């Protein structure tokens, strides 16, 4: 069962920071890195980048 995510939800800055640190860790397990990467893809970008349609 998939959970629907509303369009305006994103990962918080705090969670994105932790995810970044986990990805950099050499001893972080692969499954944890996968979840961290997923969180970062949902984080807001620092720059306001417009998507071309």
C-alpha atoms as a PDB file:
ATOM      1  CA  UNK A   1       0.000   0.000   0.000  1.00  0.00           C
ATOM      2  CA  UNK A   2       1.564   3.252  -1.116  1.00  0.00           C
ATOM      3  CA  UNK A   3       1.246   6.406   0.937  1.00  0.00           C
ATOM      4  CA  UNK A   4       0.143   9.461  -1.011  1.00  0.00           C
ATOM      5  CA  UNK A   5       2.368  12.492  -0.510  1.00  0.00           C
ATOM      6  CA  UNK A   6       0.926  15.929  -1.074  1.00  0.00           C
ATOM      7  CA  UNK A   7       2.753  18.135  -3.557  1.00  0.00           C
ATOM      8  CA  UNK A   8       3.987  20.627  -0.974  1.00  0.00           C
ATOM      9  CA  UNK A   9       5.664  18.206   1.450  1.00  0.00           C
ATOM     10  CA  UNK A  10       9.440  18.155   1.648  1.00  0.00           C
ATOM     11  CA  UNK A  11      12.217  16.962   3.918  1.00  0.00           C
ATOM     12  CA  UNK A  12      13.145  19.434   6.664  1.00  0.00           C
ATOM     13  CA  UNK A  13      16.569  21.090   6.724  1.00  0.00           C
ATOM     14  CA  UNK A  14      17.465  19.167   9.891  1.00  0.00           C
ATOM     15  CA  UNK A  15      16.633  15.780   8.364  1.00  0.00           C
ATOM     16  CA  UNK A  16      18.413  16.707   5.115  1.00  0.00           C
ATOM     17  CA  UNK A  17      21.533  17.626   7.096  1.00  0.00           C
ATOM     18  CA  UNK A  18      21.506  14.294   8.940  1.00  0.00           C
ATOM     19  CA  UNK A  19      20.935  12.422   5.669  1.00  0.00           C
ATOM     20  CA  UNK A  20      23.901  14.200   4.106  1.00  0.00           C
ATOM     21  CA  UNK A  21      26.154  13.205   7.002  1.00  0.00           C
ATOM     22  CA  UNK A  22      24.974   9.589   6.753  1.00  0.00           C
ATOM     23  CA  UNK A  23      25.790   9.464   3.032  1.00  0.00           C
ATOM     24  CA  UNK A  24      29.305  10.737   3.704  1.00  0.00           C
ATOM     25  CA  UNK A  25      29.969   8.123   6.403  1.00  0.00           C
ATOM     26  CA  UNK A  26      32.164   5.248   5.183  1.00  0.00           C
ATOM     27  CA  UNK A  27      30.648   2.804   7.696  1.00  0.00           C
ATOM     28  CA  UNK A  28      27.008   3.660   6.981  1.00  0.00           C
ATOM     29  CA  UNK A  29      25.104   0.558   5.803  1.00  0.00           C
ATOM     30  CA  UNK A  30      23.828   0.517   2.213  1.00  0.00           C
ATOM     31  CA  UNK A  31      20.162   0.393   3.222  1.00  0.00           C
ATOM     32  CA  UNK A  32      20.589   3.445   5.463  1.00  0.00           C
ATOM     33  CA  UNK A  33      22.313   5.295   2.614  1.00  0.00           C
ATOM     34  CA  UNK A  34      19.386   4.434   0.352  1.00  0.00           C
ATOM     35  CA  UNK A  35      16.887   5.965   2.780  1.00  0.00           C
ATOM     36  CA  UNK A  36      19.118   9.017   3.290  1.00  0.00           C
ATOM     37  CA  UNK A  37      19.386   9.540  -0.470  1.00  0.00           C
ATOM     38  CA  UNK A  38      15.610   9.315  -0.763  1.00  0.00           C
ATOM     39  CA  UNK A  39      15.209  11.977   1.912  1.00  0.00           C
ATOM     40  CA  UNK A  40      17.643  14.267   0.108  1.00  0.00           C
ATOM     41  CA  UNK A  41      15.801  13.957  -3.186  1.00  0.00           C
ATOM     42  CA  UNK A  42      12.721  15.285  -1.394  1.00  0.00           C
ATOM     43  CA  UNK A  43      14.581  18.168   0.264  1.00  0.00           C
ATOM     44  CA  UNK A  44      14.184  21.699  -1.002  1.00  0.00           C
ATOM     45  CA  UNK A  45      17.064  23.057  -3.041  1.00  0.00           C
ATOM     46  CA  UNK A  46      19.070  25.951  -1.606  1.00  0.00           C
ATOM     47  CA  UNK A  47      18.581  27.853  -4.852  1.00  0.00           C
ATOM     48  CA  UNK A  48      15.229  28.577  -6.415  1.00  0.00           C
ATOM     49  CA  UNK A  49      15.609  26.672  -9.654  1.00  0.00           C
ATOM     50  CA  UNK A  50      12.842  26.971 -12.212  1.00  0.00           C
ATOM     51  CA  UNK A  51      11.992  23.796 -14.082  1.00  0.00           C
ATOM     52  CA  UNK A  52      11.679  24.237 -17.822  1.00  0.00           C
ATOM     53  CA  UNK A  53       8.544  22.684 -19.285  1.00  0.00           C
END
